[in-house]
Amino acid sequence: MGKDVTRTPAIKDIKQSWFLVDADGKTLGRMATRIATILMGKHKPSYAPNRDCGDFVVVINAEKVKLTGKKATQKQYDTMSRGGKHQGTAWAHGLHIIPFQKMLLKHPDRIVRLAVKRMLRNTKLNRASFTKLKVYAGDKHPHQAQKPAPLAI
């Protein structure tokens, strides 16, 4: 009687593919959880928590993502500046609060990036996995040569 052994896939055995997500009309949170799962590689049977076995994800039409309920008017993004002795008076103590609507107009790709990034664990491996996410505001992207397969969400 042999013991059951968990096998970790070798780096040469890991095959990474490309997926294309059209964010037009998709709910932000549901889309971000699916993308985070694919970036980590948890959708594969050969998943190993100590290996980068996730796939690449290209997101297009990021400006057409939607939120449910009152989140579109209530959601805001908070960032802190480094501050310093020559800090302006416009932002008290370096806190920048950007409403969702303003972020959607100025940087629609950041909305999707932040949603996915905050669903990944804060480890070196997941920071490397996050670089495999490519987000574009419009429907054009420079990854046609990789032939990304459409991903249903």
N, C-alpha and C. Protein backbone atom coordinates (compact mmCIF):
# COMPACT_ATOMS: atom_id res chain seq x y z
N MET A 1 0.84 -1.18 0.00
CA MET A 1 0.00 0.00 0.00
C MET A 1 0.89 1.24 0.00
N GLY A 2 0.71 2.04 -1.03
CA GLY A 2 1.49 3.26 -1.14
C GLY A 2 0.78 4.44 -0.50
N LYS A 3 1.55 5.41 -0.15
CA LYS A 3 0.98 6.62 0.42
C LYS A 3 0.56 7.57 -0.69
N ASP A 4 -0.48 8.30 -0.44
CA ASP A 4 -0.89 9.33 -1.40
C ASP A 4 0.09 10.49 -1.29
N VAL A 5 0.59 10.92 -2.42
CA VAL A 5 1.58 11.99 -2.45
C VAL A 5 1.04 13.14 -3.27
N THR A 6 1.13 14.33 -2.72
CA THR A 6 0.73 15.51 -3.46
C THR A 6 1.87 15.92 -4.36
N ARG A 7 1.59 16.06 -5.62
CA ARG A 7 2.63 16.39 -6.59
C ARG A 7 2.58 17.88 -6.91
N THR A 8 3.74 18.52 -6.85
CA THR A 8 3.87 19.91 -7.24
C THR A 8 4.33 19.94 -8.69
N PRO A 9 3.65 20.69 -9.54
CA PRO A 9 4.05 20.70 -10.96
C PRO A 9 5.41 21.38 -11.14
N ALA A 10 6.19 20.83 -12.06
CA ALA A 10 7.48 21.43 -12.40
C ALA A 10 7.23 22.69 -13.21
N ILE A 11 8.16 23.61 -13.18
CA ILE A 11 7.99 24.88 -13.89
C ILE A 11 7.84 24.64 -15.39
N LYS A 12 8.54 23.66 -15.93
CA LYS A 12 8.44 23.38 -17.36
C LYS A 12 7.09 22.77 -17.75
N ASP A 13 6.37 22.20 -16.79
CA ASP A 13 5.07 21.59 -17.07
C ASP A 13 3.91 22.58 -17.01
N ILE A 14 4.16 23.78 -16.51
CA ILE A 14 3.10 24.78 -16.36
C ILE A 14 2.88 25.48 -17.70
N LYS A 15 1.68 25.37 -18.23
CA LYS A 15 1.32 26.02 -19.49
C LYS A 15 0.45 27.24 -19.17
N GLN A 16 0.89 28.39 -19.64
CA GLN A 16 0.13 29.61 -19.40
C GLN A 16 -0.56 30.04 -20.68
N SER A 17 -1.84 30.34 -20.58
CA SER A 17 -2.60 30.78 -21.74
C SER A 17 -3.11 32.20 -21.49
N TRP A 18 -3.73 32.77 -22.52
CA TRP A 18 -4.24 34.13 -22.46
C TRP A 18 -5.75 34.11 -22.55
N PHE A 19 -6.40 34.96 -21.74
CA PHE A 19 -7.85 35.10 -21.77
C PHE A 19 -8.22 36.56 -22.02
N LEU A 20 -9.34 36.76 -22.68
CA LEU A 20 -9.85 38.10 -22.98
C LEU A 20 -11.18 38.29 -22.27
N VAL A 21 -11.31 39.36 -21.50
CA VAL A 21 -12.54 39.66 -20.77
C VAL A 21 -13.08 40.99 -21.28
N ASP A 22 -14.32 41.00 -21.72
CA ASP A 22 -14.98 42.23 -22.13
C ASP A 22 -15.79 42.72 -20.93
N ALA A 23 -15.40 43.85 -20.36
CA ALA A 23 -16.02 44.36 -19.14
C ALA A 23 -17.30 45.14 -19.41
N ASP A 24 -17.75 45.20 -20.63
CA ASP A 24 -18.94 45.97 -20.98
C ASP A 24 -20.17 45.41 -20.28
N GLY A 25 -20.71 46.17 -19.32
CA GLY A 25 -21.91 45.78 -18.60
C GLY A 25 -21.69 44.76 -17.50
N LYS A 26 -20.47 44.36 -17.23
CA LYS A 26 -20.18 43.38 -16.18
C LYS A 26 -20.11 44.06 -14.82
N THR A 27 -20.52 43.34 -13.78
CA THR A 27 -20.42 43.84 -12.42
C THR A 27 -18.96 43.74 -11.96
N LEU A 28 -18.45 44.81 -11.40
CA LEU A 28 -17.04 44.92 -11.07
C LEU A 28 -16.56 43.82 -10.13
N GLY A 29 -17.24 43.59 -9.04
CA GLY A 29 -16.79 42.63 -8.04
C GLY A 29 -16.78 41.20 -8.54
N ARG A 30 -17.84 40.81 -9.23
CA ARG A 30 -17.93 39.45 -9.75
C ARG A 30 -16.86 39.19 -10.80
N MET A 31 -16.62 40.19 -11.63
CA MET A 31 -15.60 40.07 -12.66
C MET A 31 -14.22 39.99 -12.02
N ALA A 32 -13.96 40.81 -11.00
CA ALA A 32 -12.65 40.84 -10.35
C ALA A 32 -12.34 39.53 -9.64
N THR A 33 -13.32 38.89 -9.02
CA THR A 33 -13.05 37.62 -8.35
C THR A 33 -12.68 36.54 -9.35
N ARG A 34 -13.36 36.52 -10.48
CA ARG A 34 -13.05 35.53 -11.53
C ARG A 34 -11.65 35.76 -12.10
N ILE A 35 -11.30 37.03 -12.33
CA ILE A 35 -9.98 37.36 -12.85
C ILE A 35 -8.89 37.00 -11.85
N ALA A 36 -9.11 37.28 -10.57
CA ALA A 36 -8.12 36.96 -9.54
C ALA A 36 -7.89 35.45 -9.45
N THR A 37 -8.95 34.66 -9.60
CA THR A 37 -8.82 33.21 -9.59
C THR A 37 -7.95 32.73 -10.75
N ILE A 38 -8.13 33.32 -11.91
CA ILE A 38 -7.37 32.92 -13.09
C ILE A 38 -5.91 33.37 -12.96
N LEU A 39 -5.67 34.56 -12.43
CA LEU A 39 -4.30 35.03 -12.25
C LEU A 39 -3.51 34.13 -11.30
N MET A 40 -4.17 33.63 -10.26
CA MET A 40 -3.50 32.75 -9.30
C MET A 40 -3.35 31.34 -9.83
N GLY A 41 -4.21 30.94 -10.77
CA GLY A 41 -4.15 29.59 -11.32
C GLY A 41 -5.01 28.60 -10.59
N LYS A 42 -5.93 29.07 -9.75
CA LYS A 42 -6.77 28.17 -8.97
C LYS A 42 -7.81 27.44 -9.82
N HIS A 43 -7.99 27.86 -11.05
CA HIS A 43 -8.95 27.20 -11.93
C HIS A 43 -8.36 25.96 -12.58
N LYS A 44 -7.07 25.70 -12.39
CA LYS A 44 -6.40 24.56 -13.01
C LYS A 44 -6.28 23.41 -12.01
N PRO A 45 -6.35 22.18 -12.50
CA PRO A 45 -6.16 21.05 -11.59
C PRO A 45 -4.71 20.93 -11.10
N SER A 46 -3.79 21.56 -11.80
CA SER A 46 -2.38 21.48 -11.40
C SER A 46 -1.97 22.66 -10.53
N TYR A 47 -2.93 23.30 -9.85
CA TYR A 47 -2.64 24.46 -9.01
C TYR A 47 -1.72 24.08 -7.85
N ALA A 48 -0.73 24.91 -7.63
CA ALA A 48 0.15 24.76 -6.47
C ALA A 48 0.31 26.15 -5.85
N PRO A 49 0.12 26.29 -4.55
CA PRO A 49 0.18 27.62 -3.95
C PRO A 49 1.57 28.24 -3.95
N ASN A 50 2.61 27.44 -4.19
CA ASN A 50 3.96 27.98 -4.18
C ASN A 50 4.53 28.15 -5.58
N ARG A 51 3.71 28.01 -6.63
CA ARG A 51 4.16 28.17 -8.01
C ARG A 51 3.26 29.17 -8.73
N ASP A 52 3.85 29.88 -9.67
CA ASP A 52 3.08 30.80 -10.49
C ASP A 52 2.52 30.03 -11.67
N CYS A 53 1.32 29.48 -11.50
CA CYS A 53 0.72 28.68 -12.57
C CYS A 53 -0.53 29.35 -13.13
N GLY A 54 -0.69 30.65 -12.89
CA GLY A 54 -1.83 31.37 -13.40
C GLY A 54 -1.67 31.76 -14.85
N ASP A 55 -2.75 32.27 -15.43
CA ASP A 55 -2.78 32.66 -16.83
C ASP A 55 -2.82 34.18 -16.97
N PHE A 56 -2.58 34.64 -18.18
CA PHE A 56 -2.65 36.07 -18.49
C PHE A 56 -4.11 36.45 -18.76
N VAL A 57 -4.49 37.66 -18.35
CA VAL A 57 -5.85 38.14 -18.58
C VAL A 57 -5.78 39.54 -19.18
N VAL A 58 -6.49 39.74 -20.28
CA VAL A 58 -6.60 41.04 -20.94
C VAL A 58 -8.04 41.51 -20.75
N VAL A 59 -8.22 42.68 -20.15
CA VAL A 59 -9.55 43.24 -19.93
C VAL A 59 -9.72 44.45 -20.85
N ILE A 60 -10.80 44.44 -21.63
CA ILE A 60 -11.10 45.58 -22.50
C ILE A 60 -12.42 46.21 -22.06
N ASN A 61 -12.66 47.43 -22.53
CA ASN A 61 -13.86 48.21 -22.19
C ASN A 61 -13.99 48.42 -20.68
N ALA A 62 -12.91 48.79 -20.03
CA ALA A 62 -12.94 49.00 -18.58
C ALA A 62 -13.82 50.18 -18.19
N GLU A 63 -14.02 51.14 -19.10
CA GLU A 63 -14.85 52.28 -18.76
C GLU A 63 -16.33 51.95 -18.73
N LYS A 64 -16.72 50.75 -19.19
CA LYS A 64 -18.13 50.37 -19.23
C LYS A 64 -18.51 49.41 -18.12
N VAL A 65 -17.65 49.27 -17.11
CA VAL A 65 -17.95 48.39 -15.99
C VAL A 65 -19.05 49.02 -15.14
N LYS A 66 -19.84 48.19 -14.46
CA LYS A 66 -20.94 48.75 -13.66
C LYS A 66 -20.84 48.29 -12.21
N LEU A 67 -21.48 49.04 -11.36
CA LEU A 67 -21.60 48.71 -9.95
C LEU A 67 -23.07 48.55 -9.62
N THR A 68 -23.37 47.78 -8.60
CA THR A 68 -24.76 47.56 -8.22
C THR A 68 -25.16 48.50 -7.10
N GLY A 69 -26.44 48.73 -6.97
CA GLY A 69 -26.96 49.55 -5.89
C GLY A 69 -26.52 51.00 -5.98
N LYS A 70 -26.22 51.60 -4.82
CA LYS A 70 -25.80 53.00 -4.75
C LYS A 70 -24.29 53.16 -4.79
N LYS A 71 -23.57 52.07 -5.09
CA LYS A 71 -22.11 52.14 -5.04
C LYS A 71 -21.55 53.15 -6.02
N ALA A 72 -22.21 53.34 -7.16
CA ALA A 72 -21.69 54.27 -8.17
C ALA A 72 -21.61 55.70 -7.63
N THR A 73 -22.47 56.06 -6.70
CA THR A 73 -22.44 57.41 -6.13
C THR A 73 -21.71 57.46 -4.79
N GLN A 74 -21.61 56.33 -4.09
CA GLN A 74 -21.03 56.33 -2.75
C GLN A 74 -19.58 55.86 -2.70
N LYS A 75 -19.16 55.06 -3.67
CA LYS A 75 -17.80 54.49 -3.62
C LYS A 75 -16.76 55.57 -3.85
N GLN A 76 -15.65 55.47 -3.11
CA GLN A 76 -14.56 56.41 -3.28
C GLN A 76 -13.24 55.69 -3.05
N TYR A 77 -12.21 56.22 -3.66
CA TYR A 77 -10.88 55.64 -3.56
C TYR A 77 -10.01 56.58 -2.73
N ASP A 78 -9.40 56.05 -1.67
CA ASP A 78 -8.57 56.84 -0.77
C ASP A 78 -7.10 56.48 -1.00
N THR A 79 -6.26 57.49 -1.16
CA THR A 79 -4.82 57.29 -1.24
C THR A 79 -4.14 58.31 -0.34
N MET A 80 -2.96 57.97 0.09
CA MET A 80 -2.19 58.87 0.92
C MET A 80 -0.95 59.30 0.16
N SER A 81 -0.66 60.59 0.17
CA SER A 81 0.59 61.06 -0.40
C SER A 81 1.67 60.94 0.67
N ARG A 82 2.89 61.12 0.29
CA ARG A 82 3.98 61.00 1.25
C ARG A 82 4.01 62.15 2.23
N GLY A 83 3.42 63.25 1.86
CA GLY A 83 3.43 64.40 2.75
C GLY A 83 4.76 65.12 2.67
N GLY A 84 5.13 65.77 3.69
CA GLY A 84 6.39 66.50 3.71
C GLY A 84 6.15 67.90 4.23
N LYS A 85 7.23 68.68 4.33
CA LYS A 85 7.06 70.00 4.93
C LYS A 85 6.46 71.01 3.96
N HIS A 86 6.50 70.74 2.65
CA HIS A 86 5.90 71.65 1.67
C HIS A 86 4.58 71.13 1.15
N GLN A 87 3.81 70.55 2.02
CA GLN A 87 2.55 69.96 1.64
C GLN A 87 1.50 71.06 1.45
N GLY A 88 0.71 70.95 0.39
CA GLY A 88 -0.31 71.95 0.11
C GLY A 88 -1.47 71.86 1.08
N THR A 89 -2.30 72.87 1.07
CA THR A 89 -3.43 72.90 2.00
C THR A 89 -4.68 72.26 1.41
N ALA A 90 -4.64 71.87 0.13
CA ALA A 90 -5.82 71.31 -0.49
C ALA A 90 -6.19 69.95 0.10
N TRP A 91 -5.19 69.17 0.48
CA TRP A 91 -5.45 67.85 1.03
C TRP A 91 -4.85 67.77 2.43
N ALA A 92 -5.72 67.70 3.43
CA ALA A 92 -5.24 67.66 4.80
C ALA A 92 -4.50 66.36 5.07
N HIS A 93 -3.29 66.45 5.53
CA HIS A 93 -2.45 65.32 5.92
C HIS A 93 -2.19 64.35 4.77
N GLY A 94 -2.28 64.80 3.54
CA GLY A 94 -1.93 63.97 2.39
C GLY A 94 -3.00 62.99 1.96
N LEU A 95 -4.20 63.07 2.51
CA LEU A 95 -5.26 62.15 2.14
C LEU A 95 -5.94 62.64 0.87
N HIS A 96 -5.98 61.80 -0.16
CA HIS A 96 -6.67 62.12 -1.40
C HIS A 96 -7.89 61.22 -1.51
N ILE A 97 -9.05 61.80 -1.63
CA ILE A 97 -10.28 61.04 -1.79
C ILE A 97 -10.81 61.31 -3.18
N ILE A 98 -10.92 60.25 -4.00
CA ILE A 98 -11.37 60.37 -5.38
C ILE A 98 -12.67 59.60 -5.52
N PRO A 99 -13.78 60.25 -5.87
CA PRO A 99 -15.05 59.54 -6.06
C PRO A 99 -14.97 58.59 -7.25
N PHE A 100 -15.82 57.58 -7.24
CA PHE A 100 -15.83 56.57 -8.30
C PHE A 100 -16.07 57.20 -9.67
N GLN A 101 -17.02 58.14 -9.75
CA GLN A 101 -17.35 58.75 -11.04
C GLN A 101 -16.15 59.50 -11.64
N LYS A 102 -15.39 60.19 -10.79
CA LYS A 102 -14.22 60.91 -11.28
C LYS A 102 -13.12 59.94 -11.71
N MET A 103 -12.95 58.86 -10.95
CA MET A 103 -11.95 57.86 -11.32
C MET A 103 -12.34 57.17 -12.63
N LEU A 104 -13.63 56.97 -12.84
CA LEU A 104 -14.11 56.35 -14.07
C LEU A 104 -13.82 57.23 -15.28
N LEU A 105 -13.90 58.53 -15.10
CA LEU A 105 -13.62 59.45 -16.20
C LEU A 105 -12.12 59.58 -16.47
N LYS A 106 -11.32 59.67 -15.41
CA LYS A 106 -9.89 59.91 -15.59
C LYS A 106 -9.08 58.64 -15.82
N HIS A 107 -9.31 57.61 -15.01
CA HIS A 107 -8.51 56.38 -15.07
C HIS A 107 -9.41 55.15 -14.94
N PRO A 108 -10.17 54.79 -15.97
CA PRO A 108 -11.07 53.64 -15.84
C PRO A 108 -10.32 52.31 -15.67
N ASP A 109 -9.09 52.23 -16.15
CA ASP A 109 -8.34 50.99 -16.00
C ASP A 109 -7.95 50.75 -14.54
N ARG A 110 -7.73 51.80 -13.78
CA ARG A 110 -7.34 51.65 -12.37
C ARG A 110 -8.45 51.04 -11.53
N ILE A 111 -9.69 51.27 -11.91
CA ILE A 111 -10.81 50.71 -11.16
C ILE A 111 -10.73 49.19 -11.17
N VAL A 112 -10.52 48.62 -12.35
CA VAL A 112 -10.43 47.16 -12.47
C VAL A 112 -9.15 46.66 -11.81
N ARG A 113 -8.04 47.35 -12.02
CA ARG A 113 -6.77 46.93 -11.42
C ARG A 113 -6.85 46.88 -9.89
N LEU A 114 -7.41 47.93 -9.29
CA LEU A 114 -7.50 47.97 -7.83
C LEU A 114 -8.43 46.89 -7.30
N ALA A 115 -9.54 46.64 -7.99
CA ALA A 115 -10.47 45.61 -7.54
C ALA A 115 -9.80 44.23 -7.55
N VAL A 116 -9.05 43.95 -8.61
CA VAL A 116 -8.38 42.64 -8.69
C VAL A 116 -7.22 42.57 -7.71
N LYS A 117 -6.43 43.63 -7.62
CA LYS A 117 -5.26 43.64 -6.74
C LYS A 117 -5.65 43.42 -5.29
N ARG A 118 -6.76 43.99 -4.87
CA ARG A 118 -7.19 43.87 -3.49
C ARG A 118 -7.81 42.51 -3.19
N MET A 119 -8.04 41.70 -4.23
CA MET A 119 -8.53 40.34 -4.02
C MET A 119 -7.41 39.31 -3.99
N LEU A 120 -6.20 39.74 -4.29
CA LEU A 120 -5.04 38.85 -4.22
C LEU A 120 -4.37 39.00 -2.86
N ARG A 121 -3.76 37.92 -2.39
CA ARG A 121 -3.00 38.02 -1.15
C ARG A 121 -1.77 38.87 -1.37
N ASN A 122 -1.29 39.50 -0.33
CA ASN A 122 -0.13 40.39 -0.44
C ASN A 122 1.15 39.59 -0.24
N THR A 123 1.53 38.84 -1.28
CA THR A 123 2.76 38.06 -1.25
C THR A 123 3.57 38.35 -2.51
N LYS A 124 4.82 37.95 -2.50
CA LYS A 124 5.66 38.16 -3.68
C LYS A 124 5.10 37.42 -4.89
N LEU A 125 4.59 36.24 -4.67
CA LEU A 125 4.05 35.44 -5.77
C LEU A 125 2.83 36.11 -6.39
N ASN A 126 1.94 36.64 -5.58
CA ASN A 126 0.74 37.28 -6.12
C ASN A 126 1.05 38.65 -6.71
N ARG A 127 2.09 39.32 -6.23
CA ARG A 127 2.50 40.56 -6.88
C ARG A 127 3.04 40.26 -8.27
N ALA A 128 3.72 39.14 -8.43
CA ALA A 128 4.19 38.72 -9.75
C ALA A 128 3.02 38.29 -10.62
N SER A 129 2.03 37.64 -10.04
CA SER A 129 0.84 37.23 -10.79
C SER A 129 0.06 38.44 -11.28
N PHE A 130 0.07 39.50 -10.49
CA PHE A 130 -0.71 40.70 -10.85
C PHE A 130 -0.17 41.36 -12.12
N THR A 131 1.12 41.16 -12.41
CA THR A 131 1.69 41.76 -13.62
C THR A 131 1.14 41.10 -14.88
N LYS A 132 0.47 39.97 -14.75
CA LYS A 132 -0.12 39.30 -15.90
C LYS A 132 -1.51 39.83 -16.25
N LEU A 133 -1.95 40.84 -15.53
CA LEU A 133 -3.24 41.48 -15.82
C LEU A 133 -3.00 42.69 -16.69
N LYS A 134 -3.66 42.75 -17.84
CA LYS A 134 -3.56 43.87 -18.77
C LYS A 134 -4.94 44.47 -18.93
N VAL A 135 -5.11 45.76 -18.58
CA VAL A 135 -6.41 46.41 -18.61
C VAL A 135 -6.37 47.59 -19.56
N TYR A 136 -7.39 47.70 -20.40
CA TYR A 136 -7.49 48.79 -21.38
C TYR A 136 -8.89 49.39 -21.32
N ALA A 137 -8.94 50.73 -21.46
CA ALA A 137 -10.21 51.44 -21.36
C ALA A 137 -11.11 51.17 -22.56
N GLY A 138 -10.54 51.14 -23.75
CA GLY A 138 -11.33 50.92 -24.96
C GLY A 138 -11.38 49.45 -25.35
N ASP A 139 -11.83 49.22 -26.59
CA ASP A 139 -11.92 47.85 -27.06
C ASP A 139 -10.71 47.41 -27.87
N LYS A 140 -9.67 48.23 -27.94
CA LYS A 140 -8.44 47.89 -28.65
C LYS A 140 -7.38 47.45 -27.63
N HIS A 141 -6.59 46.45 -28.01
CA HIS A 141 -5.48 46.02 -27.16
C HIS A 141 -4.36 45.49 -28.04
N PRO A 142 -3.10 45.58 -27.59
CA PRO A 142 -1.96 45.16 -28.40
C PRO A 142 -1.58 43.68 -28.25
N HIS A 143 -2.49 42.84 -27.77
CA HIS A 143 -2.16 41.44 -27.51
C HIS A 143 -2.85 40.49 -28.48
N GLN A 144 -3.07 40.94 -29.71
CA GLN A 144 -3.71 40.08 -30.71
C GLN A 144 -2.83 38.89 -31.07
N ALA A 145 -1.52 39.07 -31.04
CA ALA A 145 -0.61 37.99 -31.42
C ALA A 145 -0.68 36.81 -30.46
N GLN A 146 -1.07 37.04 -29.20
CA GLN A 146 -1.16 35.97 -28.23
C GLN A 146 -2.45 35.17 -28.38
N LYS A 147 -3.38 35.65 -29.21
CA LYS A 147 -4.66 34.99 -29.46
C LYS A 147 -5.41 34.67 -28.17
N PRO A 148 -5.79 35.71 -27.41
CA PRO A 148 -6.49 35.43 -26.15
C PRO A 148 -7.87 34.83 -26.39
N ALA A 149 -8.20 33.80 -25.64
CA ALA A 149 -9.50 33.15 -25.74
C ALA A 149 -10.52 33.95 -24.93
N PRO A 150 -11.74 34.14 -25.45
CA PRO A 150 -12.75 34.88 -24.68
C PRO A 150 -13.14 34.12 -23.43
N LEU A 151 -13.29 34.85 -22.34
CA LEU A 151 -13.64 34.27 -21.05
C LEU A 151 -15.05 34.70 -20.67
N ALA A 152 -15.91 33.75 -20.45
CA ALA A 152 -17.28 34.06 -20.06
C ALA A 152 -17.34 34.30 -18.56
N ILE A 153 -17.96 35.41 -18.17
CA ILE A 153 -18.10 35.74 -16.74
C ILE A 153 -19.58 35.90 -16.43
